[in-house]
N, C-alpha and C. Protein backbone atom coordinates (compact mmCIF):
# COMPACT_ATOMS: atom_id res chain seq x y z
N MET A 1 100.51 97.00 100.69
CA MET A 1 101.95 97.02 100.80
C MET A 1 102.35 98.01 101.88
N ILE A 2 103.22 97.60 102.76
CA ILE A 2 103.61 98.46 103.87
C ILE A 2 105.00 99.03 103.71
N GLY A 3 105.61 98.86 102.57
CA GLY A 3 106.90 99.48 102.32
C GLY A 3 108.08 98.57 102.56
N LEU A 4 107.84 97.28 102.67
CA LEU A 4 108.92 96.32 102.87
C LEU A 4 109.14 95.52 101.60
N GLU A 5 110.29 94.91 101.49
CA GLU A 5 110.60 94.07 100.34
C GLU A 5 109.85 92.75 100.50
N PRO A 6 108.83 92.48 99.66
CA PRO A 6 108.00 91.29 99.87
C PRO A 6 108.70 89.96 99.66
N THR A 7 109.84 89.94 98.98
CA THR A 7 110.52 88.67 98.76
C THR A 7 111.67 88.43 99.74
N ALA A 8 111.93 89.38 100.65
CA ALA A 8 113.02 89.25 101.62
C ALA A 8 112.49 88.61 102.90
N ALA A 9 113.06 87.47 103.28
CA ALA A 9 112.60 86.74 104.46
C ALA A 9 112.76 87.56 105.74
N GLU A 10 113.78 88.42 105.79
CA GLU A 10 114.02 89.20 107.00
C GLU A 10 113.14 90.45 107.09
N ALA A 11 112.46 90.81 106.02
CA ALA A 11 111.58 91.97 106.02
C ALA A 11 110.21 91.56 106.55
N LYS A 12 109.83 92.17 107.64
CA LYS A 12 108.53 91.83 108.21
C LYS A 12 107.93 93.03 108.91
N PHE A 13 106.63 93.02 109.04
CA PHE A 13 105.89 94.02 109.79
C PHE A 13 105.49 93.33 111.08
N GLU A 14 105.82 93.93 112.20
CA GLU A 14 105.55 93.30 113.49
C GLU A 14 104.79 94.26 114.39
N ALA A 15 103.65 93.81 114.89
CA ALA A 15 102.88 94.58 115.85
C ALA A 15 103.03 93.94 117.22
N THR A 16 103.14 94.76 118.25
CA THR A 16 103.26 94.27 119.62
C THR A 16 102.20 94.95 120.48
N ILE A 17 101.82 94.27 121.54
CA ILE A 17 100.86 94.80 122.49
C ILE A 17 101.50 94.75 123.87
N GLU A 18 101.43 95.86 124.59
CA GLU A 18 101.91 95.87 125.97
C GLU A 18 100.94 96.67 126.80
N MET A 19 100.89 96.37 128.08
CA MET A 19 100.03 97.10 128.99
C MET A 19 100.80 98.32 129.49
N VAL A 20 100.20 99.49 129.32
CA VAL A 20 100.79 100.74 129.80
C VAL A 20 99.75 101.42 130.68
N GLY A 21 100.02 101.49 131.96
CA GLY A 21 99.06 102.09 132.88
C GLY A 21 97.75 101.33 132.93
N GLY A 22 97.82 100.01 132.74
CA GLY A 22 96.61 99.18 132.78
C GLY A 22 95.79 99.19 131.50
N VAL A 23 96.32 99.80 130.45
CA VAL A 23 95.61 99.90 129.17
C VAL A 23 96.47 99.27 128.08
N PRO A 24 95.89 98.39 127.23
CA PRO A 24 96.69 97.80 126.15
C PRO A 24 97.11 98.86 125.14
N THR A 25 98.39 98.81 124.77
CA THR A 25 98.94 99.76 123.80
C THR A 25 99.57 98.97 122.66
N VAL A 26 99.12 99.24 121.44
CA VAL A 26 99.61 98.55 120.25
C VAL A 26 100.64 99.43 119.56
N THR A 27 101.81 98.86 119.29
CA THR A 27 102.85 99.55 118.53
C THR A 27 103.29 98.64 117.38
N TRP A 28 104.04 99.18 116.43
CA TRP A 28 104.47 98.39 115.28
C TRP A 28 105.82 98.85 114.79
N SER A 29 106.43 97.95 114.04
CA SER A 29 107.74 98.21 113.46
C SER A 29 107.81 97.51 112.12
N PRO A 30 108.28 98.16 111.07
CA PRO A 30 108.71 99.54 111.05
C PRO A 30 107.52 100.48 111.04
N ASP A 31 107.73 101.68 111.54
CA ASP A 31 106.72 102.74 111.49
C ASP A 31 107.21 103.75 110.46
N LEU A 32 106.55 103.79 109.32
CA LEU A 32 106.97 104.66 108.23
C LEU A 32 106.34 106.05 108.31
N GLY A 33 105.76 106.36 109.47
CA GLY A 33 105.22 107.70 109.71
C GLY A 33 104.19 108.11 108.69
N ALA A 34 104.36 109.31 108.14
CA ALA A 34 103.39 109.89 107.20
C ALA A 34 103.38 109.18 105.85
N GLU A 35 104.33 108.28 105.61
CA GLU A 35 104.33 107.54 104.34
C GLU A 35 103.24 106.47 104.30
N ARG A 36 102.66 106.14 105.45
CA ARG A 36 101.59 105.15 105.53
C ARG A 36 100.53 105.64 106.51
N VAL A 37 99.33 105.07 106.40
CA VAL A 37 98.25 105.33 107.35
C VAL A 37 98.06 104.04 108.14
N TYR A 38 98.20 104.12 109.45
CA TYR A 38 98.04 102.96 110.32
C TYR A 38 96.74 103.09 111.09
N LEU A 39 95.91 102.05 111.05
CA LEU A 39 94.68 102.00 111.82
C LEU A 39 94.72 100.78 112.72
N VAL A 40 94.44 101.00 113.99
CA VAL A 40 94.39 99.89 114.94
C VAL A 40 92.92 99.58 115.21
N TYR A 41 92.56 98.31 115.04
CA TYR A 41 91.20 97.85 115.27
C TYR A 41 91.15 97.00 116.53
N GLY A 42 90.03 97.04 117.21
CA GLY A 42 89.85 96.22 118.39
C GLY A 42 88.56 95.43 118.32
N CYS A 43 88.54 94.31 119.03
CA CYS A 43 87.37 93.45 119.10
C CYS A 43 87.24 92.96 120.54
N ARG A 44 86.05 92.98 121.08
CA ARG A 44 85.85 92.55 122.47
C ARG A 44 85.87 91.03 122.61
N SER A 45 85.31 90.32 121.64
CA SER A 45 85.22 88.87 121.72
C SER A 45 85.26 88.28 120.32
N LEU A 46 85.89 87.13 120.19
CA LEU A 46 85.93 86.43 118.90
C LEU A 46 85.00 85.23 118.88
N LEU A 47 84.13 85.11 119.89
CA LEU A 47 83.20 83.99 119.95
C LEU A 47 82.17 84.08 118.84
N TRP A 48 81.86 82.94 118.27
CA TRP A 48 80.86 82.87 117.22
C TRP A 48 79.48 82.79 117.84
N GLY A 49 78.49 83.34 117.14
CA GLY A 49 77.12 83.32 117.62
C GLY A 49 76.48 81.96 117.46
N ASP A 50 75.26 81.82 117.97
CA ASP A 50 74.51 80.56 117.90
C ASP A 50 74.26 80.13 116.46
N GLU A 51 74.22 81.07 115.55
CA GLU A 51 73.96 80.75 114.14
C GLU A 51 75.23 80.36 113.40
N GLY A 52 76.37 80.27 114.11
CA GLY A 52 77.62 79.92 113.47
C GLY A 52 78.24 81.06 112.69
N VAL A 53 77.88 82.29 113.05
CA VAL A 53 78.38 83.46 112.35
C VAL A 53 79.24 84.28 113.30
N ALA A 54 80.39 84.71 112.81
CA ALA A 54 81.27 85.54 113.62
C ALA A 54 80.64 86.93 113.80
N PRO A 55 80.77 87.51 114.96
CA PRO A 55 80.19 88.84 115.17
C PRO A 55 80.96 89.90 114.40
N PRO A 56 80.27 90.95 113.95
CA PRO A 56 80.97 92.05 113.28
C PRO A 56 81.62 92.95 114.34
N CYS A 57 82.74 92.51 114.86
CA CYS A 57 83.26 93.14 116.07
C CYS A 57 84.36 94.15 115.85
N TRP A 58 85.02 94.18 114.72
CA TRP A 58 86.20 95.03 114.57
C TRP A 58 85.82 96.49 114.42
N GLU A 59 86.35 97.32 115.34
CA GLU A 59 86.10 98.75 115.34
C GLU A 59 87.44 99.48 115.46
N VAL A 60 87.54 100.66 114.84
CA VAL A 60 88.76 101.46 114.94
C VAL A 60 88.89 101.95 116.37
N LEU A 61 90.09 101.77 116.94
CA LEU A 61 90.34 102.21 118.31
C LEU A 61 90.56 103.71 118.40
N THR A 62 90.15 104.26 119.51
CA THR A 62 90.46 105.63 119.86
C THR A 62 91.18 105.60 121.20
N GLU A 63 91.79 106.69 121.59
CA GLU A 63 92.47 106.74 122.89
C GLU A 63 91.49 106.42 124.02
N GLU A 64 90.24 106.86 123.88
CA GLU A 64 89.23 106.64 124.92
C GLU A 64 88.73 105.21 124.96
N SER A 65 88.71 104.52 123.81
CA SER A 65 88.10 103.19 123.76
C SER A 65 89.07 102.03 123.81
N LYS A 66 90.38 102.27 123.69
CA LYS A 66 91.31 101.15 123.51
C LYS A 66 91.35 100.19 124.70
N GLY A 67 90.98 100.62 125.89
CA GLY A 67 90.97 99.72 127.03
C GLY A 67 89.78 98.78 127.05
N ASP A 68 88.82 98.98 126.14
CA ASP A 68 87.60 98.17 126.11
C ASP A 68 87.73 96.88 125.30
N TYR A 69 88.87 96.65 124.68
CA TYR A 69 89.01 95.54 123.74
C TYR A 69 89.99 94.48 124.23
N ASN A 70 89.82 93.26 123.73
CA ASN A 70 90.69 92.14 124.09
C ASN A 70 91.53 91.64 122.93
N PHE A 71 91.13 91.95 121.69
CA PHE A 71 91.82 91.48 120.49
C PHE A 71 92.10 92.68 119.60
N PHE A 72 93.24 92.63 118.89
CA PHE A 72 93.66 93.79 118.11
C PHE A 72 94.24 93.36 116.77
N LYS A 73 94.15 94.27 115.79
CA LYS A 73 94.84 94.09 114.52
C LYS A 73 95.18 95.47 113.98
N VAL A 74 96.20 95.52 113.13
CA VAL A 74 96.66 96.78 112.56
C VAL A 74 96.50 96.71 111.05
N ALA A 75 95.88 97.73 110.48
CA ALA A 75 95.75 97.84 109.03
C ALA A 75 96.71 98.93 108.55
N VAL A 76 97.36 98.70 107.43
CA VAL A 76 98.32 99.65 106.88
C VAL A 76 97.88 100.02 105.47
N GLU A 77 97.80 101.33 105.19
CA GLU A 77 97.37 101.80 103.89
C GLU A 77 98.30 102.89 103.40
N MET A 78 98.27 103.14 102.12
CA MET A 78 98.97 104.28 101.53
C MET A 78 98.13 105.52 101.81
N PRO A 79 98.76 106.68 102.08
CA PRO A 79 97.99 107.91 102.34
C PRO A 79 97.28 108.40 101.08
């Protein structure tokens, strides 16, 4: 739960990606600050392997590594 009313159609969590200085930057709304823990994950490729298995690609992004990824997702947790 990210702190929104789950039955309200207008309540949504939205993540956006924009290039800032040539590096992808992920932001989200609403940002509940210290009331939640936000983790941004990145993946270099979503291609499946020869065995028909998806690669274990999702890693937590750091400021140093965020430019290395092509796909992103945001996880939201209670502190």
